[in-house]
Amino acid sequence: MTFLQLLASLTPVISVMLFLVLLRMPASRAMPISMVITALAAVFIWQMDTTLLAASVVEGLLSAITPLTIIFGAVFLLNTLKYSGAMDTIRAGFTNISADARVQVIIICWLFGSFIEGSAGFGTPAAIGAPLLVLLGIPPVAAAVVALIADSTSVSFGAIGLPVLFGMEQGLLEGGTSMAAAQIAEHGGHFSDYAQFIAMHMITIDLITGTLIPLVMVSVLTGFFGRNKSFKEGFAIWKFALFAGLAFTIPAWLINFFAGPEFPSVIGALVGMALVIPVARKGWLLPKTPWNDFAENDKEAETAKVETKARFSQLAAWTPYLIMAALLVLSRVVQPLKAWLNGFNISWTGLLGTELKASFATFFAPGAFFVAVCILGFFLFRMNSKAIKESVTVSCKSMVPTIISLGASVPMVKIFLNSGTNSAGLQSMPVALADMLAGSLGSVWAWISPIVGIFGAFLSGSATFSNMMFSGLQYSVADNIGANHALILALQGIGANAGNMMCVMNVVAAATVVGMAGRESEIIRKTMPVALGYALLAGTLAVIWGGF
């Protein structure tokens, strides 16, 4: 690979870092510029076929429909609850559990968010959790940051185990045959058995790395967004934070050991909430004085706390979320329902005469469920026409910068991934780049492996897609350096999870739902060090484990 080709393969990363992080442009400006630069590099340096490039843009635009419907649905639900008055009841309920913002963050994002991740994936946890925090008085950017950090460990088993059961299985296919055929045969003969073995490595490492996430979340909350900018104020609840971490990771480990990777996040989160909420109510493991001292408070939420009385019962106010959770679980678990919903999917094949295709999960994706529960909310909360109009109008207006951002970032990723058809005779950009890293950094692959996973998730916006791109590469490197294959694949998966914290798609979604579109660079600068630290700690634990 020449220097120019190396530069071209790094174009999406360099351009996003330059415009979004360093120059602090809003994503609605940074992403279109990055897409154009990536396209030019693909054509003139990588010599990518121009028809394929155009088809990749179309594929990206069509693929963006699904995340856009999810983001709109999350914003719509938030505004429905807000303008109906139901959110005041929800806010009061969390305050009754604990007035401590650190505790609220752990319960909403770490536990409730893990349940949503295990049920649905698609970046839905941050889209639900972040606005809930805002309406509890937590500053919007802080809410987005901690919600993104929380949506990490549970991603291994997100969307009913999709990242490992589907992502890794597809990533290990070579000419229709799995590269891991011998390993699969050793573990029962089915990929699901080998996936369970890989996932055991992941969740075992996360007994340490994942357990630390709640403590990291509250430390980031107080250290960056507290009035005193004190990380010590976050560490002050270390007993409660570690208890909340273990309340999820230990049940998740047990569920994966006995039942496989479909339900550790769902059941682990439910068990965690059953253990943590009563402890929080009693104030056990917590300092006597609650913490809620932000440098920048949400004035609207603060005013609402004082002026508005709860109009609904807790059960009524939570009904949309309960129905949403039930729909997510049932649509993923009940096979006849799953098949029926998938029967309405829209597919586009042969885009611009190429082999590229795209699809839109019309009723299976969480966006449809969001809209359905919002319509139900109109009747449940007896909203008048003015409140309904307000919730719809505000939701639609807030989507404009997000449509631009994702309408550019997803096509950019598709160009990057589809660049394997070129006149230069090169592999696709991500594979060529990863091959170069494997050739030169094999001796320290325990630390590079999760970084590759982060790289895939950062660009594609999906842990599943990161695993699809790089599981084959990771398996080949394990062969070359004589490492434990399952452990290397586990590090890939953990890196892909960490990448969720900082991937452009999730950051744009989180910023949008809290009304902070345009401040994506600020969010990434806070989540990136956490993601890298998470990955490097996992690599260190793998070396101690002894698989290298």
Protein backbone atom coordinates (compact mmCIF):
# COMPACT_ATOMS: atom_id res chain seq x y z
CA MET A 1 0.00 0.00 0.00
CA THR A 2 1.45 3.37 -1.04
CA PHE A 3 1.37 6.43 1.20
CA LEU A 4 -1.44 7.99 -0.86
CA GLN A 5 -3.47 4.79 -0.63
CA LEU A 6 -2.92 4.69 3.13
CA LEU A 7 -4.06 8.30 3.31
CA ALA A 8 -7.15 7.48 1.25
CA SER A 9 -8.07 4.56 3.52
CA LEU A 10 -7.81 6.88 6.52
CA THR A 11 -9.80 9.71 4.90
CA PRO A 12 -13.12 9.05 6.70
CA VAL A 13 -11.40 8.93 10.09
CA ILE A 14 -9.13 11.92 9.48
CA SER A 15 -11.88 14.10 8.02
CA VAL A 16 -14.37 13.32 10.79
CA MET A 17 -11.75 13.98 13.45
CA LEU A 18 -10.64 17.21 11.77
CA PHE A 19 -14.00 18.79 11.06
CA LEU A 20 -16.17 17.34 13.82
CA VAL A 21 -13.74 17.04 16.74
CA LEU A 22 -10.89 19.50 16.18
CA LEU A 23 -12.67 22.30 14.28
CA ARG A 24 -15.87 21.63 16.27
CA MET A 25 -18.20 21.93 13.30
CA PRO A 26 -21.76 20.71 13.81
CA ALA A 27 -22.33 17.27 12.30
CA SER A 28 -24.73 18.77 9.77
CA ARG A 29 -21.73 20.57 8.21
CA ALA A 30 -18.86 18.24 9.08
CA MET A 31 -20.39 15.05 7.68
CA PRO A 32 -21.29 16.33 4.16
CA ILE A 33 -17.75 17.71 3.80
CA SER A 34 -16.26 14.44 5.03
CA MET A 35 -18.41 12.46 2.61
CA VAL A 36 -17.27 14.52 -0.39
CA ILE A 37 -13.60 14.20 0.58
CA THR A 38 -13.97 10.45 1.09
CA ALA A 39 -15.65 10.09 -2.31
CA LEU A 40 -12.86 12.03 -4.03
CA ALA A 41 -10.18 9.92 -2.33
CA ALA A 42 -12.02 6.73 -3.31
CA VAL A 43 -12.22 7.73 -6.98
CA PHE A 44 -8.86 9.40 -7.58
CA ILE A 45 -6.55 7.48 -5.23
CA TRP A 46 -8.30 4.15 -4.58
CA GLN A 47 -9.59 4.16 -8.19
CA MET A 48 -13.02 2.98 -7.09
CA ASP A 49 -15.56 2.35 -9.84
CA THR A 50 -17.68 5.51 -10.18
CA THR A 51 -20.93 3.63 -10.78
CA LEU A 52 -20.34 1.65 -7.61
CA LEU A 53 -19.57 4.87 -5.76
CA ALA A 54 -22.87 6.43 -6.90
CA ALA A 55 -24.70 3.23 -5.96
CA SER A 56 -23.01 3.32 -2.54
CA VAL A 57 -24.37 6.83 -1.97
CA VAL A 58 -27.87 5.63 -2.88
CA GLU A 59 -27.44 2.60 -0.62
CA GLY A 60 -26.38 4.88 2.22
CA LEU A 61 -29.34 7.21 1.78
CA LEU A 62 -31.77 4.30 1.82
CA SER A 63 -30.01 2.67 4.78
CA ALA A 64 -30.26 5.93 6.72
CA ILE A 65 -34.06 5.68 6.77
CA THR A 66 -34.08 3.12 9.61
CA PRO A 67 -31.95 5.10 12.13
CA LEU A 68 -33.78 8.30 11.19
CA THR A 69 -37.16 6.74 12.00
CA ILE A 70 -35.80 5.54 15.35
CA ILE A 71 -34.46 8.98 16.23
CA PHE A 72 -37.71 10.65 15.19
CA GLY A 73 -39.70 8.13 17.19
CA ALA A 74 -37.61 8.72 20.32
CA VAL A 75 -37.95 12.50 19.98
CA PHE A 76 -41.68 12.16 19.29
CA LEU A 77 -42.21 10.01 22.39
CA LEU A 78 -40.27 12.48 24.51
CA ASN A 79 -42.39 15.39 23.29
CA THR A 80 -45.62 13.42 23.67
CA LEU A 81 -44.79 12.74 27.32
CA LYS A 82 -43.61 16.30 27.80
CA TYR A 83 -46.65 18.09 26.35
CA SER A 84 -49.10 15.68 27.97
CA GLY A 85 -47.62 16.26 31.41
CA ALA A 86 -46.75 12.59 31.91
CA MET A 87 -43.04 13.38 32.12
CA ASP A 88 -43.63 15.36 35.31
CA THR A 89 -44.93 12.16 36.94
CA ILE A 90 -41.94 10.15 35.69
CA ARG A 91 -39.56 12.79 36.98
CA ALA A 92 -41.23 12.74 40.39
CA GLY A 93 -40.97 8.94 40.50
CA PHE A 94 -37.22 8.96 39.92
CA THR A 95 -36.80 11.71 42.48
CA ASN A 96 -38.65 9.52 44.98
CA ILE A 97 -36.17 6.69 44.34
CA SER A 98 -33.28 9.09 44.89
CA ALA A 99 -32.73 12.80 44.52
CA ASP A 100 -29.09 12.05 43.68
CA ALA A 101 -28.36 12.65 39.97
CA ARG A 102 -25.57 10.07 40.06
CA VAL A 103 -28.01 7.37 41.13
CA GLN A 104 -30.57 8.45 38.52
CA VAL A 105 -27.92 8.17 35.79
CA ILE A 106 -27.01 4.63 36.83
CA ILE A 107 -30.60 3.39 37.05
CA ILE A 108 -31.82 5.02 33.83
CA CYS A 109 -28.82 4.59 31.53
CA TRP A 110 -26.88 1.62 32.90
CA LEU A 111 -29.79 -0.65 33.92
CA PHE A 112 -32.90 0.48 32.04
CA GLY A 113 -30.69 1.31 29.03
CA SER A 114 -29.15 -2.18 29.09
CA PHE A 115 -32.63 -3.68 29.03
CA ILE A 116 -33.53 -1.62 25.96
CA GLU A 117 -30.19 -2.49 24.30
CA GLY A 118 -30.74 -6.18 24.92
CA SER A 119 -34.23 -5.95 23.47
CA ALA A 120 -33.68 -3.74 20.45
CA GLY A 121 -30.20 -2.41 19.81
CA PHE A 122 -30.20 0.19 16.99
CA GLY A 123 -28.80 2.85 19.37
CA THR A 124 -32.22 3.02 21.02
CA PRO A 125 -30.98 3.14 24.68
CA ALA A 126 -29.33 6.55 24.37
CA ALA A 127 -32.33 7.86 22.44
CA ILE A 128 -34.60 6.90 25.35
CA GLY A 129 -32.32 7.45 28.34
CA ALA A 130 -30.74 10.81 27.49
CA PRO A 131 -34.00 12.81 27.25
CA LEU A 132 -35.24 11.20 30.47
CA LEU A 133 -32.15 12.58 32.21
CA VAL A 134 -32.70 16.03 30.73
CA LEU A 135 -36.20 16.15 32.14
CA LEU A 136 -34.78 15.25 35.54
CA GLY A 137 -32.70 18.44 35.38
CA ILE A 138 -29.40 17.02 34.07
CA PRO A 139 -27.74 19.26 31.44
CA PRO A 140 -28.42 18.02 27.89
CA VAL A 141 -24.81 17.43 26.81
CA ALA A 142 -24.09 15.62 30.09
CA ALA A 143 -27.16 13.45 29.53
CA ALA A 144 -26.01 12.51 26.02
CA VAL A 145 -22.46 11.72 27.17
CA VAL A 146 -23.38 9.42 30.06
CA ALA A 147 -26.11 7.69 28.03
CA LEU A 148 -23.57 6.90 25.30
CA ILE A 149 -20.98 5.64 27.80
CA ALA A 150 -23.61 3.39 29.39
CA ASP A 151 -24.54 1.84 26.05
CA SER A 152 -21.40 -0.29 25.81
CA THR A 153 -21.13 -3.51 27.83
CA SER A 154 -24.69 -4.60 27.07
CA VAL A 155 -24.07 -4.23 23.32
CA SER A 156 -22.35 -7.65 23.26
CA PHE A 157 -25.78 -9.17 23.74
CA GLY A 158 -27.80 -6.38 22.15
CA ALA A 159 -30.76 -6.98 19.88
CA ILE A 160 -31.04 -10.56 21.20
CA GLY A 161 -27.37 -11.41 20.65
CA LEU A 162 -27.13 -10.10 17.08
CA PRO A 163 -23.55 -8.70 17.22
CA VAL A 164 -22.03 -12.10 18.04
CA LEU A 165 -24.62 -14.53 16.67
CA PHE A 166 -24.98 -12.83 13.28
CA GLY A 167 -22.14 -10.31 13.02
CA MET A 168 -19.33 -12.71 13.86
CA GLU A 169 -20.84 -15.66 12.00
CA GLN A 170 -21.06 -13.62 8.80
CA GLY A 171 -17.63 -12.08 9.35
CA LEU A 172 -16.00 -15.50 9.58
CA LEU A 173 -17.45 -16.77 6.30
CA GLU A 174 -14.96 -17.23 3.47
CA GLY A 175 -16.28 -18.60 0.20
CA GLY A 176 -19.39 -19.87 1.92
CA THR A 177 -17.41 -21.79 4.58
CA SER A 178 -16.60 -20.59 8.08
CA MET A 179 -12.93 -19.93 8.81
CA ALA A 180 -13.66 -21.22 12.31
CA ALA A 181 -15.08 -24.57 11.16
CA ALA A 182 -12.63 -26.57 13.31
CA GLN A 183 -13.39 -24.44 16.38
CA ILE A 184 -17.13 -24.72 15.77
CA ALA A 185 -16.85 -28.51 15.55
CA GLU A 186 -15.05 -28.56 18.90
CA HIS A 187 -17.89 -26.64 20.55
CA GLY A 188 -20.93 -28.61 19.49
CA GLY A 189 -21.03 -28.26 15.72
CA HIS A 190 -23.23 -25.17 15.52
CA PHE A 191 -22.04 -21.58 15.37
CA SER A 192 -24.37 -20.66 18.24
CA ASP A 193 -22.31 -22.96 20.50
CA TYR A 194 -19.06 -21.30 19.45
CA ALA A 195 -20.70 -17.88 19.80
CA GLN A 196 -21.57 -18.73 23.39
CA PHE A 197 -17.90 -19.66 23.98
CA ILE A 198 -16.71 -16.35 22.48
CA ALA A 199 -19.31 -14.44 24.51
CA MET A 200 -18.08 -16.13 27.70
CA HIS A 201 -14.67 -14.55 27.07
CA MET A 202 -16.33 -11.18 26.49
CA ILE A 203 -18.50 -11.16 29.60
CA THR A 204 -15.68 -12.57 31.74
CA ILE A 205 -13.47 -9.61 30.78
CA ASP A 206 -16.46 -7.34 31.36
CA LEU A 207 -16.78 -8.62 34.94
CA ILE A 208 -14.05 -6.02 35.44
CA THR A 209 -14.32 -3.55 32.54
CA GLY A 210 -18.12 -3.53 32.44
CA THR A 211 -18.50 -3.41 36.19
CA LEU A 212 -16.45 -0.21 36.21
CA ILE A 213 -18.70 1.58 33.70
CA PRO A 214 -21.23 2.99 36.26
CA LEU A 215 -18.35 4.45 38.29
CA VAL A 216 -16.85 5.96 35.14
CA MET A 217 -20.23 7.42 34.18
CA VAL A 218 -20.79 9.24 37.46
CA SER A 219 -17.18 10.44 37.55
CA VAL A 220 -17.53 11.92 34.06
CA LEU A 221 -20.84 13.47 35.15
CA THR A 222 -19.36 15.28 38.16
CA GLY A 223 -15.88 15.88 36.74
CA PHE A 224 -16.95 17.55 33.50
CA PHE A 225 -20.42 18.87 34.23
CA GLY A 226 -20.56 19.43 38.00
CA ARG A 227 -20.27 22.94 39.37
CA ASN A 228 -16.99 22.03 41.09
CA LYS A 229 -15.62 19.98 38.15
CA SER A 230 -14.73 17.32 40.71
CA PHE A 231 -14.18 13.68 39.75
CA LYS A 232 -13.96 13.00 43.47
CA GLU A 233 -17.68 13.76 43.82
CA GLY A 234 -18.37 10.90 41.40
CA PHE A 235 -16.01 8.50 43.16
CA ALA A 236 -17.83 9.30 46.40
CA ILE A 237 -20.51 6.71 45.49
CA TRP A 238 -18.00 4.03 44.46
CA LYS A 239 -19.67 1.38 46.63
CA PHE A 240 -23.08 1.91 45.03
CA ALA A 241 -21.60 2.22 41.52
CA LEU A 242 -19.64 -1.03 41.77
CA PHE A 243 -22.67 -2.78 43.27
CA ALA A 244 -24.77 -1.59 40.30
CA GLY A 245 -22.06 -2.78 37.91
CA LEU A 246 -21.94 -6.25 39.43
CA ALA A 247 -25.74 -6.39 39.71
CA PHE A 248 -25.76 -6.46 35.89
CA THR A 249 -22.52 -8.23 34.90
CA ILE A 250 -22.81 -11.25 37.23
CA PRO A 251 -26.39 -12.18 36.13
CA ALA A 252 -25.34 -11.54 32.50
CA TRP A 253 -22.38 -13.93 32.94
CA LEU A 254 -24.65 -16.60 34.41
CA ILE A 255 -27.30 -16.26 31.70
CA ASN A 256 -24.70 -16.54 28.92
CA PHE A 257 -23.13 -19.58 30.64
CA PHE A 258 -26.41 -21.46 30.95
CA ALA A 259 -28.48 -20.16 28.01
CA GLY A 260 -26.26 -18.41 25.44
CA PRO A 261 -25.88 -14.83 24.20
CA GLU A 262 -29.48 -13.92 23.34
CA PHE A 263 -30.70 -12.72 26.76
CA PRO A 264 -27.84 -11.74 29.12
CA SER A 265 -28.51 -8.01 28.65
CA VAL A 266 -32.28 -8.28 28.99
CA ILE A 267 -32.31 -10.52 32.05
CA GLY A 268 -29.15 -9.03 33.56
CA ALA A 269 -30.75 -5.58 33.44
CA LEU A 270 -34.01 -6.78 34.98
CA VAL A 271 -32.16 -8.52 37.81
CA GLY A 272 -29.99 -5.44 38.22
CA MET A 273 -32.99 -3.12 38.54
CA ALA A 274 -34.62 -5.48 41.04
CA LEU A 275 -31.47 -5.33 43.19
CA VAL A 276 -30.36 -1.72 42.74
CA ILE A 277 -33.63 0.24 43.01
CA PRO A 278 -34.51 -0.99 46.55
CA VAL A 279 -30.92 -0.27 47.67
CA ALA A 280 -31.19 3.24 46.23
CA ARG A 281 -34.55 3.84 47.94
CA LYS A 282 -33.04 2.86 51.29
CA GLY A 283 -29.96 5.00 50.68
CA TRP A 284 -27.67 2.07 51.33
CA LEU A 285 -24.08 2.32 50.02
CA LEU A 286 -24.68 6.04 49.40
CA PRO A 287 -23.46 9.24 51.08
CA LYS A 288 -26.02 10.94 53.31
CA THR A 289 -26.19 14.07 51.14
CA PRO A 290 -27.55 13.62 47.56
CA TRP A 291 -25.56 15.25 44.75
CA ASN A 292 -27.26 17.40 42.13
CA ASP A 293 -24.89 20.33 41.71
CA PHE A 294 -24.46 21.11 38.02
CA ALA A 295 -22.62 24.01 36.46
CA GLU A 296 -25.36 24.24 33.84
CA ASN A 297 -28.85 23.16 34.87
CA ASP A 298 -31.78 22.62 32.53
CA LYS A 299 -33.85 25.67 33.48
CA GLU A 300 -37.01 24.37 31.83
CA ALA A 301 -36.85 21.15 33.84
CA GLU A 302 -36.04 23.02 37.03
CA THR A 303 -39.04 25.31 36.52
CA ALA A 304 -41.30 22.38 35.77
CA LYS A 305 -40.26 20.71 39.01
CA VAL A 306 -41.57 23.65 40.97
CA GLU A 307 -44.61 24.69 38.99
CA THR A 308 -46.19 21.47 37.71
CA LYS A 309 -48.06 18.91 39.77
CA ALA A 310 -48.17 15.31 38.61
CA ARG A 311 -51.42 14.62 36.74
CA PHE A 312 -51.05 10.85 36.29
CA SER A 313 -50.18 7.78 38.28
CA GLN A 314 -46.71 6.30 37.87
CA LEU A 315 -48.21 3.29 36.08
CA ALA A 316 -50.08 5.47 33.59
CA ALA A 317 -47.06 7.70 32.94
CA TRP A 318 -44.79 4.70 32.38
CA THR A 319 -47.31 2.84 30.19
CA PRO A 320 -45.78 4.02 26.85
CA TYR A 321 -42.31 2.80 27.95
CA LEU A 322 -43.72 -0.47 29.27
CA ILE A 323 -45.58 -1.10 26.03
CA MET A 324 -42.49 -0.10 24.05
CA ALA A 325 -40.34 -2.59 25.98
CA ALA A 326 -42.95 -5.33 25.58
CA LEU A 327 -43.20 -4.73 21.82
CA LEU A 328 -39.41 -4.84 21.46
CA VAL A 329 -39.07 -8.11 23.35
CA LEU A 330 -42.08 -9.83 21.76
CA SER A 331 -41.07 -8.80 18.23
CA ARG A 332 -37.63 -10.34 18.73
CA VAL A 333 -38.64 -13.48 20.64
CA VAL A 334 -42.02 -14.61 19.26
CA GLN A 335 -41.04 -16.05 15.89
CA PRO A 336 -44.48 -15.86 14.18
CA LEU A 337 -44.77 -12.19 15.15
CA LYS A 338 -41.19 -11.53 14.08
CA ALA A 339 -41.81 -13.18 10.70
CA TRP A 340 -45.06 -11.26 10.21
CA LEU A 341 -43.47 -7.89 10.97
CA ASN A 342 -40.52 -8.65 8.71
CA GLY A 343 -43.02 -9.43 5.95
CA PHE A 344 -43.58 -5.69 5.54
CA ASN A 345 -39.90 -4.87 4.99
CA ILE A 346 -39.07 -2.84 1.89
CA SER A 347 -36.06 -3.97 -0.14
CA TRP A 348 -34.17 -2.38 -2.99
CA THR A 349 -31.86 -4.59 -5.06
CA GLY A 350 -29.53 -4.01 -8.02
CA LEU A 351 -28.95 -0.35 -7.15
CA LEU A 352 -27.84 1.51 -10.32
CA GLY A 353 -27.14 -1.83 -11.97
CA THR A 354 -24.74 -3.04 -9.25
CA GLU A 355 -25.08 -5.88 -6.77
CA LEU A 356 -25.71 -3.44 -3.92
CA LYS A 357 -28.98 -3.56 -2.06
CA ALA A 358 -30.70 -1.85 0.83
CA SER A 359 -33.73 -2.47 2.97
CA PHE A 360 -36.01 -0.70 5.42
CA ALA A 361 -37.56 -2.66 8.29
CA THR A 362 -40.89 -0.83 8.09
CA PHE A 363 -42.60 -2.32 11.15
CA PHE A 364 -39.80 -4.39 12.69
CA ALA A 365 -37.49 -1.45 13.45
CA PRO A 366 -38.12 0.34 16.78
CA GLY A 367 -39.20 3.54 14.99
CA ALA A 368 -42.61 2.09 14.18
CA PHE A 369 -43.12 1.06 17.80
CA PHE A 370 -42.23 4.56 19.00
CA VAL A 371 -44.85 6.13 16.74
CA ALA A 372 -47.46 3.55 17.76
CA VAL A 373 -47.02 4.22 21.50
CA CYS A 374 -47.09 7.98 20.84
CA ILE A 375 -50.49 7.68 19.14
CA LEU A 376 -51.64 5.54 22.06
CA GLY A 377 -50.33 8.28 24.37
CA PHE A 378 -52.61 10.86 22.71
CA PHE A 379 -55.61 8.87 23.97
CA LEU A 380 -54.13 7.59 27.22
CA PHE A 381 -53.18 11.09 28.40
CA ARG A 382 -56.26 12.76 26.80
CA MET A 383 -54.12 15.27 24.98
CA ASN A 384 -55.89 18.16 23.31
CA SER A 385 -55.28 19.09 19.67
CA LYS A 386 -52.91 21.92 20.60
CA ALA A 387 -50.65 19.61 22.65
CA ILE A 388 -50.66 16.98 19.89
CA LYS A 389 -49.79 19.56 17.24
CA GLU A 390 -47.00 20.94 19.41
CA SER A 391 -45.44 17.50 19.98
CA VAL A 392 -45.51 16.67 16.25
CA THR A 393 -44.24 20.08 15.09
CA VAL A 394 -41.36 20.29 17.56
CA SER A 395 -40.32 16.71 16.75
CA CYS A 396 -40.28 17.33 12.99
CA LYS A 397 -38.34 20.58 13.25
CA SER A 398 -35.67 19.01 15.44
CA MET A 399 -34.96 16.37 12.77
CA VAL A 400 -33.64 18.72 10.06
CA PRO A 401 -29.94 18.78 11.11
CA THR A 402 -30.06 15.04 11.86
CA ILE A 403 -31.38 14.24 8.38
CA ILE A 404 -28.46 16.16 6.89
CA SER A 405 -25.91 14.55 9.21
CA LEU A 406 -27.00 10.94 8.72
CA GLY A 407 -27.83 11.56 5.07
CA ALA A 408 -24.12 12.24 4.59
CA SER A 409 -22.44 9.97 7.16
CA VAL A 410 -24.14 6.70 6.14
CA PRO A 411 -23.29 7.13 2.40
CA MET A 412 -19.70 7.98 3.43
CA VAL A 413 -19.48 4.69 5.32
CA LYS A 414 -20.96 2.76 2.39
CA ILE A 415 -18.34 4.25 0.01
CA PHE A 416 -15.65 3.20 2.47
CA LEU A 417 -16.96 -0.35 2.84
CA ASN A 418 -17.74 -0.92 -0.85
CA SER A 419 -14.36 0.30 -2.14
CA GLY A 420 -13.17 -3.25 -2.86
CA THR A 421 -14.24 -2.91 -6.51
CA ASN A 422 -11.45 -0.73 -7.88
CA SER A 423 -8.93 -0.46 -10.71
CA ALA A 424 -5.97 -0.50 -8.30
CA GLY A 425 -6.52 -4.17 -7.45
CA LEU A 426 -6.79 -3.40 -3.74
CA GLN A 427 -8.97 -4.81 -1.02
CA SER A 428 -11.66 -2.54 0.40
CA MET A 429 -10.32 0.38 2.45
CA PRO A 430 -11.13 -1.01 5.92
CA VAL A 431 -9.72 -4.48 5.17
CA ALA A 432 -6.54 -3.10 3.57
CA LEU A 433 -6.01 -0.79 6.53
CA ALA A 434 -6.61 -3.54 9.07
CA ASP A 435 -4.29 -5.91 7.17
CA MET A 436 -1.55 -3.32 7.34
CA LEU A 437 -2.05 -2.95 11.09
CA ALA A 438 -1.99 -6.73 11.57
CA GLY A 439 1.24 -7.05 9.61
CA SER A 440 3.10 -4.41 11.57
CA LEU A 441 1.54 -4.65 15.04
CA GLY A 442 0.92 -8.37 15.59
CA SER A 443 3.18 -8.42 18.65
CA VAL A 444 0.87 -6.03 20.52
CA TRP A 445 -2.38 -7.31 19.02
CA ALA A 446 -4.05 -7.69 22.41
CA TRP A 447 -4.32 -3.91 22.50
CA ILE A 448 -4.77 -3.34 18.75
CA SER A 449 -7.59 -5.90 18.39
CA PRO A 450 -10.20 -3.89 20.35
CA ILE A 451 -9.04 -0.68 18.63
CA VAL A 452 -9.91 -2.32 15.30
CA GLY A 453 -13.35 -3.10 16.75
CA ILE A 454 -13.76 0.55 17.78
CA PHE A 455 -12.68 1.66 14.30
CA GLY A 456 -15.39 -0.49 12.69
CA ALA A 457 -18.15 0.71 15.00
CA PHE A 458 -17.02 4.36 14.81
CA LEU A 459 -17.47 4.40 11.05
CA SER A 460 -20.38 2.01 10.54
CA GLY A 461 -22.39 2.98 13.63
CA SER A 462 -22.94 -0.67 14.48
CA ALA A 463 -21.16 -3.26 16.63
CA THR A 464 -22.75 -5.94 14.45
CA PHE A 465 -21.30 -4.40 11.30
CA SER A 466 -17.89 -3.95 12.92
CA ASN A 467 -17.89 -7.66 13.76
CA MET A 468 -18.94 -8.50 10.20
CA MET A 469 -16.08 -6.43 8.77
CA PHE A 470 -13.26 -7.55 11.00
CA SER A 471 -13.97 -10.96 12.59
CA GLY A 472 -12.28 -12.72 9.68
CA LEU A 473 -9.22 -10.50 9.98
CA GLN A 474 -9.07 -11.04 13.75
CA TYR A 475 -9.30 -14.82 13.31
CA SER A 476 -6.48 -14.77 10.73
CA VAL A 477 -4.25 -12.72 13.02
CA ALA A 478 -4.91 -15.16 15.86
CA ASP A 479 -3.74 -17.93 13.52
CA ASN A 480 -0.58 -16.02 12.60
CA ILE A 481 0.48 -15.08 16.13
CA GLY A 482 -0.68 -18.30 17.82
CA ALA A 483 -3.25 -16.59 20.04
CA ASN A 484 -6.52 -17.89 21.47
CA HIS A 485 -9.03 -17.40 18.63
CA ALA A 486 -12.04 -16.93 20.90
CA LEU A 487 -10.18 -14.41 23.04
CA ILE A 488 -9.16 -12.34 19.99
CA LEU A 489 -12.74 -12.39 18.70
CA ALA A 490 -13.92 -11.37 22.17
CA LEU A 491 -11.60 -8.37 22.08
CA GLN A 492 -13.01 -7.46 18.65
CA GLY A 493 -16.50 -7.57 20.14
CA ILE A 494 -15.53 -5.51 23.18
CA GLY A 495 -13.92 -2.90 20.94
CA ALA A 496 -17.05 -2.78 18.80
CA ASN A 497 -19.06 -2.19 21.97
CA ALA A 498 -16.77 0.62 23.05
CA GLY A 499 -17.07 2.19 19.60
CA ASN A 500 -20.78 2.73 20.27
CA MET A 501 -19.84 5.50 22.69
CA MET A 502 -18.25 7.64 19.98
CA CYS A 503 -19.62 6.53 16.60
CA VAL A 504 -21.02 9.42 14.60
CA MET A 505 -24.46 7.89 14.11
CA ASN A 506 -25.09 7.35 17.82
CA VAL A 507 -23.63 10.72 18.80
CA VAL A 508 -25.82 12.54 16.28
CA ALA A 509 -28.87 10.64 17.56
CA ALA A 510 -28.09 11.38 21.22
CA ALA A 511 -27.41 15.05 20.50
CA THR A 512 -30.68 15.36 18.57
CA VAL A 513 -32.96 13.83 21.19
CA VAL A 514 -31.66 16.20 23.88
CA GLY A 515 -31.91 19.24 21.60
CA MET A 516 -28.15 19.67 21.23
CA ALA A 517 -27.69 19.07 17.48
CA GLY A 518 -24.52 20.95 16.54
CA ARG A 519 -22.60 20.03 19.70
CA GLU A 520 -21.55 16.57 18.58
CA SER A 521 -17.84 17.40 18.77
CA GLU A 522 -18.16 18.23 22.46
CA ILE A 523 -19.82 14.88 23.09
CA ILE A 524 -17.19 12.88 21.18
CA ARG A 525 -14.34 14.60 23.03
CA LYS A 526 -15.83 13.32 26.29
CA THR A 527 -16.68 9.77 25.16
CA MET A 528 -13.58 9.00 23.08
CA PRO A 529 -11.10 8.74 26.01
CA VAL A 530 -13.54 6.44 27.84
CA ALA A 531 -13.93 4.19 24.79
CA LEU A 532 -10.16 3.94 24.30
CA GLY A 533 -9.58 3.31 28.00
CA TYR A 534 -12.24 0.60 28.02
CA ALA A 535 -10.60 -1.13 25.03
CA LEU A 536 -7.05 -0.91 26.34
CA LEU A 537 -8.04 -2.22 29.77
CA ALA A 538 -9.74 -5.18 28.06
CA GLY A 539 -6.54 -5.85 26.10
CA THR A 540 -4.47 -5.75 29.27
CA LEU A 541 -6.80 -8.21 30.99
CA ALA A 542 -6.55 -10.52 27.96
CA VAL A 543 -2.75 -10.53 28.26
CA ILE A 544 -3.04 -11.34 31.97
CA TRP A 545 -5.52 -14.07 31.07
CA GLY A 546 -2.74 -15.68 29.05
CA GLY A 547 -4.24 -16.20 25.62
CA PHE A 548 -1.25 -14.63 23.86
